[in-house]
Amino acid sequence: MRQEAIRAEKRLWYLFKAGNKSDFKIRRQHPIGPFIVDFFCFSAKLALEIDGWSHVGCEAQDAARDAYLSKMGIKTIRVGPSVADEGINEFVEWFREECRKRAKELA
């Protein structure tokens, strides 16, 4: 399933880069403290994690990671690798809208 997560990350990154003309720049594999998040929108303080099988049984570590990010004011959205299948364009637009909403909350 890690391969599926990596495939999902690659497909999402391609679409995020293609539409990165907005104010919401999205970074891939971005380090934050001791962690690296799959995708990160700095202006919205929003992290996107693609959770595959490698996260099964790691709920406590994921919760600790999310708590660390939350203390830094960063909201984490976790999704499965299936987002790269049907509806990926809609998902990318949904995530961009979440970035817009989150940036407004922070303003």
PDB file of N, CA and C in Angstrom:
ATOM      1  N   MET A   1       0.823  -1.188   0.000  1.00  0.00           N
ATOM      2  CA  MET A   1       0.000   0.000   0.000  1.00  0.00           C
ATOM      3  C   MET A   1       0.871   1.257   0.000  1.00  0.00           C
ATOM      4  N   ARG A   2       2.109   1.160   0.498  1.00  0.00           N
ATOM      5  CA  ARG A   2       2.990   2.330   0.463  1.00  0.00           C
ATOM      6  C   ARG A   2       3.214   2.769  -0.981  1.00  0.00           C
ATOM      7  N   GLN A   3       3.331   1.789  -1.893  1.00  0.00           N
ATOM      8  CA  GLN A   3       3.484   2.150  -3.298  1.00  0.00           C
ATOM      9  C   GLN A   3       2.267   2.921  -3.786  1.00  0.00           C
ATOM     10  N   GLU A   4       1.066   2.515  -3.337  1.00  0.00           N
ATOM     11  CA  GLU A   4      -0.148   3.235  -3.719  1.00  0.00           C
ATOM     12  C   GLU A   4      -0.132   4.650  -3.147  1.00  0.00           C
ATOM     13  N   ALA A   5       0.353   4.789  -1.917  1.00  0.00           N
ATOM     14  CA  ALA A   5       0.443   6.120  -1.311  1.00  0.00           C
ATOM     15  C   ALA A   5       1.423   6.981  -2.104  1.00  0.00           C
ATOM     16  N   ILE A   6       2.533   6.403  -2.508  1.00  0.00           N
ATOM     17  CA  ILE A   6       3.513   7.154  -3.286  1.00  0.00           C
ATOM     18  C   ILE A   6       2.915   7.535  -4.639  1.00  0.00           C
ATOM     19  N   ARG A   7       2.181   6.615  -5.258  1.00  0.00           N
ATOM     20  CA  ARG A   7       1.524   6.910  -6.538  1.00  0.00           C
ATOM     21  C   ARG A   7       0.526   8.042  -6.356  1.00  0.00           C
ATOM     22  N   ALA A   8      -0.232   7.989  -5.268  1.00  0.00           N
ATOM     23  CA  ALA A   8      -1.197   9.052  -4.985  1.00  0.00           C
ATOM     24  C   ALA A   8      -0.478  10.385  -4.799  1.00  0.00           C
ATOM     25  N   GLU A   9       0.624  10.375  -4.073  1.00  0.00           N
ATOM     26  CA  GLU A   9       1.390  11.599  -3.851  1.00  0.00           C
ATOM     27  C   GLU A   9       1.887  12.174  -5.176  1.00  0.00           C
ATOM     28  N   LYS A  10       2.385  11.322  -6.042  1.00  0.00           N
ATOM     29  CA  LYS A  10       2.902  11.786  -7.336  1.00  0.00           C
ATOM     30  C   LYS A  10       1.781  12.403  -8.170  1.00  0.00           C
ATOM     31  N   ARG A  11       0.631  11.736  -8.207  1.00  0.00           N
ATOM     32  CA  ARG A  11      -0.486  12.263  -9.006  1.00  0.00           C
ATOM     33  C   ARG A  11      -0.980  13.578  -8.425  1.00  0.00           C
ATOM     34  N   LEU A  12      -1.103  13.639  -7.104  1.00  0.00           N
ATOM     35  CA  LEU A  12      -1.544  14.889  -6.476  1.00  0.00           C
ATOM     36  C   LEU A  12      -0.527  16.002  -6.712  1.00  0.00           C
ATOM     37  N   TRP A  13       0.760  15.690  -6.569  1.00  0.00           N
ATOM     38  CA  TRP A  13       1.789  16.702  -6.749  1.00  0.00           C
ATOM     39  C   TRP A  13       1.740  17.280  -8.164  1.00  0.00           C
ATOM     40  N   TYR A  14       1.546  16.418  -9.147  1.00  0.00           N
ATOM     41  CA  TYR A  14       1.449  16.886 -10.530  1.00  0.00           C
ATOM     42  C   TYR A  14       0.312  17.908 -10.660  1.00  0.00           C
ATOM     43  N   LEU A  15      -0.839  17.611 -10.091  1.00  0.00           N
ATOM     44  CA  LEU A  15      -1.983  18.516 -10.180  1.00  0.00           C
ATOM     45  C   LEU A  15      -1.793  19.762  -9.330  1.00  0.00           C
ATOM     46  N   PHE A  16      -1.216  19.621  -8.154  1.00  0.00           N
ATOM     47  CA  PHE A  16      -0.952  20.799  -7.323  1.00  0.00           C
ATOM     48  C   PHE A  16       0.018  21.748  -8.044  1.00  0.00           C
ATOM     49  N   LYS A  17       1.065  21.196  -8.639  1.00  0.00           N
ATOM     50  CA  LYS A  17       2.032  22.029  -9.361  1.00  0.00           C
ATOM     51  C   LYS A  17       1.395  22.676 -10.578  1.00  0.00           C
ATOM     52  N   ALA A  18       0.580  21.927 -11.295  1.00  0.00           N
ATOM     53  CA  ALA A  18      -0.043  22.443 -12.516  1.00  0.00           C
ATOM     54  C   ALA A  18      -0.938  23.641 -12.227  1.00  0.00           C
ATOM     55  N   GLY A  19      -1.592  23.639 -11.081  1.00  0.00           N
ATOM     56  CA  GLY A  19      -2.499  24.727 -10.757  1.00  0.00           C
ATOM     57  C   GLY A  19      -1.970  25.662  -9.707  1.00  0.00           C
ATOM     58  N   ASN A  20      -0.667  25.713  -9.547  1.00  0.00           N
ATOM     59  CA  ASN A  20      -0.068  26.487  -8.464  1.00  0.00           C
ATOM     60  C   ASN A  20       0.089  27.964  -8.825  1.00  0.00           C
ATOM     61  N   LYS A  21      -0.918  28.509  -9.491  1.00  0.00           N
ATOM     62  CA  LYS A  21      -0.881  29.912  -9.858  1.00  0.00           C
ATOM     63  C   LYS A  21      -1.639  30.762  -8.841  1.00  0.00           C
ATOM     64  N   SER A  22      -2.234  30.104  -7.864  1.00  0.00           N
ATOM     65  CA  SER A  22      -2.997  30.819  -6.848  1.00  0.00           C
ATOM     66  C   SER A  22      -2.071  31.300  -5.733  1.00  0.00           C
ATOM     67  N   ASP A  23      -2.666  31.961  -4.751  1.00  0.00           N
ATOM     68  CA  ASP A  23      -1.899  32.421  -3.591  1.00  0.00           C
ATOM     69  C   ASP A  23      -1.501  31.269  -2.683  1.00  0.00           C
ATOM     70  N   PHE A  24      -2.072  30.113  -2.892  1.00  0.00           N
ATOM     71  CA  PHE A  24      -1.855  28.984  -1.988  1.00  0.00           C
ATOM     72  C   PHE A  24      -0.865  28.006  -2.593  1.00  0.00           C
ATOM     73  N   LYS A  25       0.402  28.260  -2.326  1.00  0.00           N
ATOM     74  CA  LYS A  25       1.465  27.379  -2.804  1.00  0.00           C
ATOM     75  C   LYS A  25       1.497  26.142  -1.921  1.00  0.00           C
ATOM     76  N   ILE A  26       1.570  25.000  -2.557  1.00  0.00           N
ATOM     77  CA  ILE A  26       1.578  23.738  -1.834  1.00  0.00           C
ATOM     78  C   ILE A  26       2.945  23.101  -2.020  1.00  0.00           C
ATOM     79  N   ARG A  27       3.542  22.703  -0.907  1.00  0.00           N
ATOM     80  CA  ARG A  27       4.876  22.096  -0.919  1.00  0.00           C
ATOM     81  C   ARG A  27       4.739  20.598  -0.702  1.00  0.00           C
ATOM     82  N   ARG A  28       5.638  19.830  -1.284  1.00  0.00           N
ATOM     83  CA  ARG A  28       5.633  18.369  -1.115  1.00  0.00           C
ATOM     84  C   ARG A  28       6.803  17.967  -0.231  1.00  0.00           C
ATOM     85  N   GLN A  29       6.567  16.961   0.622  1.00  0.00           N
ATOM     86  CA  GLN A  29       7.598  16.428   1.516  1.00  0.00           C
ATOM     87  C   GLN A  29       8.268  17.554   2.292  1.00  0.00           C
ATOM     88  N   HIS A  30       7.448  18.313   2.995  1.00  0.00           N
ATOM     89  CA  HIS A  30       7.926  19.502   3.707  1.00  0.00           C
ATOM     90  C   HIS A  30       8.268  19.168   5.159  1.00  0.00           C
ATOM     91  N   PRO A  31       9.498  19.480   5.602  1.00  0.00           N
ATOM     92  CA  PRO A  31       9.877  19.209   6.991  1.00  0.00           C
ATOM     93  C   PRO A  31       9.272  20.242   7.943  1.00  0.00           C
ATOM     94  N   ILE A  32       8.724  19.736   9.043  1.00  0.00           N
ATOM     95  CA  ILE A  32       8.219  20.583  10.127  1.00  0.00           C
ATOM     96  C   ILE A  32       8.701  19.952  11.420  1.00  0.00           C
ATOM     97  N   GLY A  33       9.635  20.602  12.081  1.00  0.00           N
ATOM     98  CA  GLY A  33      10.230  20.020  13.282  1.00  0.00           C
ATOM     99  C   GLY A  33      10.835  18.674  12.939  1.00  0.00           C
ATOM    100  N   PRO A  34      10.544  17.648  13.742  1.00  0.00           N
ATOM    101  CA  PRO A  34      11.123  16.330  13.481  1.00  0.00           C
ATOM    102  C   PRO A  34      10.347  15.518  12.441  1.00  0.00           C
ATOM    103  N   PHE A  35       9.313  16.109  11.837  1.00  0.00           N
ATOM    104  CA  PHE A  35       8.446  15.380  10.920  1.00  0.00           C
ATOM    105  C   PHE A  35       8.546  15.920   9.499  1.00  0.00           C
ATOM    106  N   ILE A  36       8.139  15.084   8.547  1.00  0.00           N
ATOM    107  CA  ILE A  36       8.005  15.506   7.153  1.00  0.00           C
ATOM    108  C   ILE A  36       6.570  15.204   6.748  1.00  0.00           C
ATOM    109  N   VAL A  37       5.850  16.239   6.341  1.00  0.00           N
ATOM    110  CA  VAL A  37       4.461  16.043   5.913  1.00  0.00           C
ATOM    111  C   VAL A  37       4.434  15.860   4.401  1.00  0.00           C
ATOM    112  N   ASP A  38       3.460  15.083   3.932  1.00  0.00           N
ATOM    113  CA  ASP A  38       3.355  14.795   2.501  1.00  0.00           C
ATOM    114  C   ASP A  38       3.160  16.078   1.698  1.00  0.00           C
ATOM    115  N   PHE A  39       2.190  16.904   2.108  1.00  0.00           N
ATOM    116  CA  PHE A  39       1.928  18.177   1.441  1.00  0.00           C
ATOM    117  C   PHE A  39       1.665  19.231   2.503  1.00  0.00           C
ATOM    118  N   PHE A  40       2.066  20.471   2.205  1.00  0.00           N
ATOM    119  CA  PHE A  40       1.889  21.540   3.179  1.00  0.00           C
ATOM    120  C   PHE A  40       1.610  22.854   2.473  1.00  0.00           C
ATOM    121  N   CYS A  41       0.567  23.538   2.925  1.00  0.00           N
ATOM    122  CA  CYS A  41       0.255  24.883   2.452  1.00  0.00           C
ATOM    123  C   CYS A  41       0.622  25.827   3.584  1.00  0.00           C
ATOM    124  N   PHE A  42       1.730  26.542   3.416  1.00  0.00           N
ATOM    125  CA  PHE A  42       2.263  27.393   4.477  1.00  0.00           C
ATOM    126  C   PHE A  42       1.300  28.514   4.844  1.00  0.00           C
ATOM    127  N   SER A  43       0.745  29.196   3.858  1.00  0.00           N
ATOM    128  CA  SER A  43      -0.113  30.351   4.155  1.00  0.00           C
ATOM    129  C   SER A  43      -1.391  29.957   4.880  1.00  0.00           C
ATOM    130  N   ALA A  44      -1.823  28.707   4.721  1.00  0.00           N
ATOM    131  CA  ALA A  44      -3.025  28.236   5.405  1.00  0.00           C
ATOM    132  C   ALA A  44      -2.697  27.387   6.632  1.00  0.00           C
ATOM    133  N   LYS A  45      -1.404  27.108   6.831  1.00  0.00           N
ATOM    134  CA  LYS A  45      -0.975  26.212   7.921  1.00  0.00           C
ATOM    135  C   LYS A  45      -1.807  24.931   7.904  1.00  0.00           C
ATOM    136  N   LEU A  46      -1.819  24.305   6.707  1.00  0.00           N
ATOM    137  CA  LEU A  46      -2.622  23.112   6.490  1.00  0.00           C
ATOM    138  C   LEU A  46      -1.739  22.015   5.904  1.00  0.00           C
ATOM    139  N   ALA A  47      -1.701  20.869   6.597  1.00  0.00           N
ATOM    140  CA  ALA A  47      -0.916  19.721   6.145  1.00  0.00           C
ATOM    141  C   ALA A  47      -1.856  18.649   5.610  1.00  0.00           C
ATOM    142  N   LEU A  48      -1.434  17.990   4.548  1.00  0.00           N
ATOM    143  CA  LEU A  48      -2.186  16.887   3.961  1.00  0.00           C
ATOM    144  C   LEU A  48      -1.318  15.642   4.023  1.00  0.00           C
ATOM    145  N   GLU A  49      -1.831  14.616   4.671  1.00  0.00           N
ATOM    146  CA  GLU A  49      -1.119  13.355   4.804  1.00  0.00           C
ATOM    147  C   GLU A  49      -1.860  12.267   4.042  1.00  0.00           C
ATOM    148  N   ILE A  50      -1.139  11.513   3.221  1.00  0.00           N
ATOM    149  CA  ILE A  50      -1.689  10.376   2.496  1.00  0.00           C
ATOM    150  C   ILE A  50      -1.330   9.133   3.305  1.00  0.00           C
ATOM    151  N   ASP A  51      -2.322   8.546   3.958  1.00  0.00           N
ATOM    152  CA  ASP A  51      -2.085   7.402   4.849  1.00  0.00           C
ATOM    153  C   ASP A  51      -2.389   6.082   4.148  1.00  0.00           C
ATOM    154  N   GLY A  52      -1.355   5.299   3.920  1.00  0.00           N
ATOM    155  CA  GLY A  52      -1.510   3.966   3.356  1.00  0.00           C
ATOM    156  C   GLY A  52      -1.350   2.927   4.454  1.00  0.00           C
ATOM    157  N   TRP A  53      -1.027   1.699   4.031  1.00  0.00           N
ATOM    158  CA  TRP A  53      -0.857   0.602   4.988  1.00  0.00           C
ATOM    159  C   TRP A  53       0.256   0.871   5.982  1.00  0.00           C
ATOM    160  N   SER A  54       1.206   1.696   5.621  1.00  0.00           N
ATOM    161  CA  SER A  54       2.316   1.970   6.530  1.00  0.00           C
ATOM    162  C   SER A  54       1.843   2.669   7.802  1.00  0.00           C
ATOM    163  N   HIS A  55       0.622   3.183   7.797  1.00  0.00           N
ATOM    164  CA  HIS A  55       0.086   3.856   8.980  1.00  0.00           C
ATOM    165  C   HIS A  55      -0.767   2.939   9.854  1.00  0.00           C
ATOM    166  N   VAL A  56      -1.076   1.733   9.355  1.00  0.00           N
ATOM    167  CA  VAL A  56      -1.866   0.788  10.138  1.00  0.00           C
ATOM    168  C   VAL A  56      -1.054   0.369  11.356  1.00  0.00           C
ATOM    169  N   GLY A  57      -1.651   0.495  12.516  1.00  0.00           N
ATOM    170  CA  GLY A  57      -0.971   0.158  13.756  1.00  0.00           C
ATOM    171  C   GLY A  57      -0.122   1.295  14.303  1.00  0.00           C
ATOM    172  N   CYS A  58      -0.117   2.408  13.611  1.00  0.00           N
ATOM    173  CA  CYS A  58       0.684   3.566  14.032  1.00  0.00           C
ATOM    174  C   CYS A  58      -0.198   4.721  14.481  1.00  0.00           C
ATOM    175  N   GLU A  59      -1.397   4.399  14.909  1.00  0.00           N
ATOM    176  CA  GLU A  59      -2.346   5.442  15.276  1.00  0.00           C
ATOM    177  C   GLU A  59      -1.814   6.345  16.382  1.00  0.00           C
ATOM    178  N   ALA A  60      -1.121   5.756  17.358  1.00  0.00           N
ATOM    179  CA  ALA A  60      -0.576   6.557  18.462  1.00  0.00           C
ATOM    180  C   ALA A  60       0.504   7.523  17.955  1.00  0.00           C
ATOM    181  N   GLN A  61       1.364   7.048  17.056  1.00  0.00           N
ATOM    182  CA  GLN A  61       2.396   7.927  16.498  1.00  0.00           C
ATOM    183  C   GLN A  61       1.776   9.029  15.636  1.00  0.00           C
ATOM    184  N   ASP A  62       0.753   8.663  14.866  1.00  0.00           N
ATOM    185  CA  ASP A  62       0.073   9.668  14.042  1.00  0.00           C
ATOM    186  C   ASP A  62      -0.609  10.716  14.922  1.00  0.00           C
ATOM    187  N   ALA A  63      -1.217  10.265  16.016  1.00  0.00           N
ATOM    188  CA  ALA A  63      -1.881  11.195  16.940  1.00  0.00           C
ATOM    189  C   ALA A  63      -0.850  12.131  17.586  1.00  0.00           C
ATOM    190  N   ALA A  64       0.307  11.589  17.959  1.00  0.00           N
ATOM    191  CA  ALA A  64       1.356  12.424  18.555  1.00  0.00           C
ATOM    192  C   ALA A  64       1.877  13.440  17.534  1.00  0.00           C
ATOM    193  N   ARG A  65       2.021  13.006  16.316  1.00  0.00           N
ATOM    194  CA  ARG A  65       2.464  13.891  15.238  1.00  0.00           C
ATOM    195  C   ARG A  65       1.450  15.008  15.016  1.00  0.00           C
ATOM    196  N   ASP A  66       0.162  14.628  14.943  1.00  0.00           N
ATOM    197  CA  ASP A  66      -0.902  15.622  14.752  1.00  0.00           C
ATOM    198  C   ASP A  66      -0.955  16.604  15.915  1.00  0.00           C
ATOM    199  N   ALA A  67      -0.740  16.105  17.125  1.00  0.00           N
ATOM    200  CA  ALA A  67      -0.740  16.984  18.307  1.00  0.00           C
ATOM    201  C   ALA A  67       0.419  17.970  18.232  1.00  0.00           C
ATOM    202  N   TYR A  68       1.588  17.494  17.815  1.00  0.00           N
ATOM    203  CA  TYR A  68       2.752  18.374  17.666  1.00  0.00           C
ATOM    204  C   TYR A  68       2.450  19.473  16.640  1.00  0.00           C
ATOM    205  N   LEU A  69       1.916  19.068  15.494  1.00  0.00           N
ATOM    206  CA  LEU A  69       1.593  20.038  14.451  1.00  0.00           C
ATOM    207  C   LEU A  69       0.526  21.016  14.927  1.00  0.00           C
ATOM    208  N   SER A  70      -0.455  20.511  15.662  1.00  0.00           N
ATOM    209  CA  SER A  70      -1.522  21.369  16.177  1.00  0.00           C
ATOM    210  C   SER A  70      -0.974  22.432  17.120  1.00  0.00           C
ATOM    211  N   LYS A  71      -0.016  22.052  17.965  1.00  0.00           N
ATOM    212  CA  LYS A  71       0.609  23.026  18.872  1.00  0.00           C
ATOM    213  C   LYS A  71       1.319  24.133  18.101  1.00  0.00           C
ATOM    214  N   MET A  72       1.727  23.818  16.877  1.00  0.00           N
ATOM    215  CA  MET A  72       2.378  24.811  16.026  1.00  0.00           C
ATOM    216  C   MET A  72       1.352  25.580  15.190  1.00  0.00           C
ATOM    217  N   GLY A  73       0.063  25.308  15.428  1.00  0.00           N
ATOM    218  CA  GLY A  73      -0.999  26.001  14.697  1.00  0.00           C
ATOM    219  C   GLY A  73      -1.316  25.395  13.349  1.00  0.00           C
ATOM    220  N   ILE A  74      -0.855  24.172  13.124  1.00  0.00           N
ATOM    221  CA  ILE A  74      -1.044  23.507  11.833  1.00  0.00           C
ATOM    222  C   ILE A  74      -2.156  22.465  11.950  1.00  0.00           C
ATOM    223  N   LYS A  75      -3.108  22.546  11.041  1.00  0.00           N
ATOM    224  CA  LYS A  75      -4.197  21.566  10.969  1.00  0.00           C
ATOM    225  C   LYS A  75      -3.771  20.468  10.000  1.00  0.00           C
ATOM    226  N   THR A  76      -4.055  19.215  10.366  1.00  0.00           N
ATOM    227  CA  THR A  76      -3.702  18.078   9.520  1.00  0.00           C
ATOM    228  C   THR A  76      -4.962  17.431   8.969  1.00  0.00           C
ATOM    229  N   ILE A  77      -4.947  17.165   7.669  1.00  0.00           N
ATOM    230  CA  ILE A  77      -6.007  16.396   7.015  1.00  0.00           C
ATOM    231  C   ILE A  77      -5.374  15.092   6.579  1.00  0.00           C
ATOM    232  N   ARG A  78      -5.982  13.978   6.964  1.00  0.00           N
ATOM    233  CA  ARG A  78      -5.476  12.659   6.598  1.00  0.00           C
ATOM    234  C   ARG A  78      -6.459  11.974   5.652  1.00  0.00           C
ATOM    235  N   VAL A  79      -5.933  11.454   4.551  1.00  0.00           N
ATOM    236  CA  VAL A  79      -6.754  10.740   3.581  1.00  0.00           C
ATOM    237  C   VAL A  79      -6.016   9.485   3.134  1.00  0.00           C
ATOM    238  N   GLY A  80      -6.751   8.564   2.560  1.00  0.00           N
ATOM    239  CA  GLY A  80      -6.160   7.349   2.017  1.00  0.00           C
ATOM    240  C   GLY A  80      -5.675   7.571   0.598  1.00  0.00           C
ATOM    241  N   PRO A  81      -4.877   6.632   0.089  1.00  0.00           N
ATOM    242  CA  PRO A  81      -4.328   6.786  -1.259  1.00  0.00           C
ATOM    243  C   PRO A  81      -5.372   6.701  -2.363  1.00  0.00           C
ATOM    244  N   SER A  82      -6.588   6.308  -2.032  1.00  0.00           N
ATOM    245  CA  SER A  82      -7.636   6.204  -3.054  1.00  0.00           C
ATOM    246  C   SER A  82      -8.015   7.561  -3.633  1.00  0.00           C
ATOM    247  N   VAL A  83      -7.587   8.668  -2.999  1.00  0.00           N
ATOM    248  CA  VAL A  83      -7.894   9.995  -3.544  1.00  0.00           C
ATOM    249  C   VAL A  83      -7.284  10.178  -4.933  1.00  0.00           C
ATOM    250  N   ALA A  84      -6.272   9.383  -5.269  1.00  0.00           N
ATOM    251  CA  ALA A  84      -5.624   9.513  -6.572  1.00  0.00           C
ATOM    252  C   ALA A  84      -6.385   8.769  -7.659  1.00  0.00           C
ATOM    253  N   ASP A  85      -7.455   8.126  -7.282  1.00  0.00           N
ATOM    254  CA  ASP A  85      -8.244   7.387  -8.263  1.00  0.00           C
ATOM    255  C   ASP A  85      -9.344   8.298  -8.808  1.00  0.00           C
ATOM    256  N   GLU A  86     -10.555   7.864  -8.768  1.00  0.00           N
ATOM    257  CA  GLU A  86     -11.661   8.668  -9.288  1.00  0.00           C
ATOM    258  C   GLU A  86     -11.815   9.964  -8.493  1.00  0.00           C
ATOM    259  N   GLY A  87     -12.075  11.039  -9.193  1.00  0.00           N
ATOM    260  CA  GLY A  87     -12.349  12.303  -8.531  1.00  0.00           C
ATOM    261  C   GLY A  87     -11.125  13.046  -8.042  1.00  0.00           C
ATOM    262  N   ILE A  88      -9.948  12.752  -8.585  1.00  0.00           N
ATOM    263  CA  ILE A  88      -8.739  13.409  -8.093  1.00  0.00           C
ATOM    264  C   ILE A  88      -8.778  14.913  -8.355  1.00  0.00           C
ATOM    265  N   ASN A  89      -9.305  15.327  -9.514  1.00  0.00           N
ATOM    266  CA  ASN A  89      -9.383  16.762  -9.803  1.00  0.00           C
ATOM    267  C   ASN A  89     -10.294  17.465  -8.800  1.00  0.00           C
ATOM    268  N   GLU A  90     -11.394  16.818  -8.464  1.00  0.00           N
ATOM    269  CA  GLU A  90     -12.317  17.382  -7.480  1.00  0.00           C
ATOM    270  C   GLU A  90     -11.663  17.448  -6.108  1.00  0.00           C
ATOM    271  N   PHE A  91     -10.871  16.428  -5.772  1.00  0.00           N
ATOM    272  CA  PHE A  91     -10.180  16.433  -4.492  1.00  0.00           C
ATOM    273  C   PHE A  91      -9.183  17.588  -4.420  1.00  0.00           C
ATOM    274  N   VAL A  92      -8.444  17.808  -5.491  1.00  0.00           N
ATOM    275  CA  VAL A  92      -7.465  18.901  -5.528  1.00  0.00           C
ATOM    276  C   VAL A  92      -8.173  20.234  -5.333  1.00  0.00           C
ATOM    277  N   GLU A  93      -9.298  20.424  -6.000  1.00  0.00           N
ATOM    278  CA  GLU A  93     -10.063  21.672  -5.827  1.00  0.00           C
ATOM    279  C   GLU A  93     -10.609  21.779  -4.404  1.00  0.00           C
ATOM    280  N   TRP A  94     -11.065  20.653  -3.848  1.00  0.00           N
ATOM    281  CA  TRP A  94     -11.559  20.652  -2.462  1.00  0.00           C
ATOM    282  C   TRP A  94     -10.444  21.072  -1.505  1.00  0.00           C
ATOM    283  N   PHE A  95      -9.238  20.520  -1.701  1.00  0.00           N
ATOM    284  CA  PHE A  95      -8.127  20.863  -0.818  1.00  0.00           C
ATOM    285  C   PHE A  95      -7.761  22.338  -0.958  1.00  0.00           C
ATOM    286  N   ARG A  96      -7.753  22.843  -2.176  1.00  0.00           N
ATOM    287  CA  ARG A  96      -7.478  24.272  -2.359  1.00  0.00           C
ATOM    288  C   ARG A  96      -8.525  25.130  -1.649  1.00  0.00           C
ATOM    289  N   GLU A  97      -9.783  24.700  -1.703  1.00  0.00           N
ATOM    290  CA  GLU A  97     -10.844  25.434  -0.999  1.00  0.00           C
ATOM    291  C   GLU A  97     -10.627  25.363   0.513  1.00  0.00           C
ATOM    292  N   GLU A  98     -10.176  24.216   0.999  1.00  0.00           N
ATOM    293  CA  GLU A  98      -9.858  24.100   2.429  1.00  0.00           C
ATOM    294  C   GLU A  98      -8.727  25.060   2.800  1.00  0.00           C
ATOM    295  N   CYS A  99      -7.764  25.223   1.908  1.00  0.00           N
ATOM    296  CA  CYS A  99      -6.683  26.188   2.143  1.00  0.00           C
ATOM    297  C   CYS A  99      -7.242  27.605   2.224  1.00  0.00           C
ATOM    298  N   ARG A 100      -8.153  27.947   1.333  1.00  0.00           N
ATOM    299  CA  ARG A 100      -8.762  29.273   1.361  1.00  0.00           C
ATOM    300  C   ARG A 100      -9.495  29.518   2.673  1.00  0.00           C
ATOM    301  N   LYS A 101     -10.313  28.537   3.063  1.00  0.00           N
ATOM    302  CA  LYS A 101     -11.088  28.653   4.311  1.00  0.00           C
ATOM    303  C   LYS A 101     -10.161  28.805   5.514  1.00  0.00           C
ATOM    304  N   ARG A 102      -9.164  27.957   5.559  1.00  0.00           N
ATOM    305  CA  ARG A 102      -8.227  27.961   6.697  1.00  0.00           C
ATOM    306  C   ARG A 102      -7.463  29.282   6.770  1.00  0.00           C
ATOM    307  N   ALA A 103      -7.040  29.805   5.618  1.00  0.00           N
ATOM    308  CA  ALA A 103      -6.325  31.093   5.605  1.00  0.00           C
ATOM    309  C   ALA A 103      -7.219  32.217   6.122  1.00  0.00           C
ATOM    310  N   LYS A 104      -8.500  32.168   5.777  1.00  0.00           N
ATOM    311  CA  LYS A 104      -9.443  33.175   6.287  1.00  0.00           C
ATOM    312  C   LYS A 104      -9.587  33.061   7.802  1.00  0.00           C
ATOM    313  N   GLU A 105      -9.639  31.830   8.301  1.00  0.00           N
ATOM    314  CA  GLU A 105      -9.737  31.609   9.763  1.00  0.00           C
ATOM    315  C   GLU A 105      -8.533  32.212  10.479  1.00  0.00           C
ATOM    316  N   LEU A 106      -7.370  32.092   9.863  1.00  0.00           N
ATOM    317  CA  LEU A 106      -6.132  32.548  10.493  1.00  0.00           C
ATOM    318  C   LEU A 106      -5.918  34.057  10.389  1.00  0.00           C
ATOM    319  N   ALA A 107      -6.621  34.684   9.443  1.00  0.00           N
ATOM    320  CA  ALA A 107      -6.427  36.128   9.207  1.00  0.00           C
ATOM    321  C   ALA A 107      -6.974  36.969  10.341  1.00  0.00           C
TER     322      ALA A 107
END
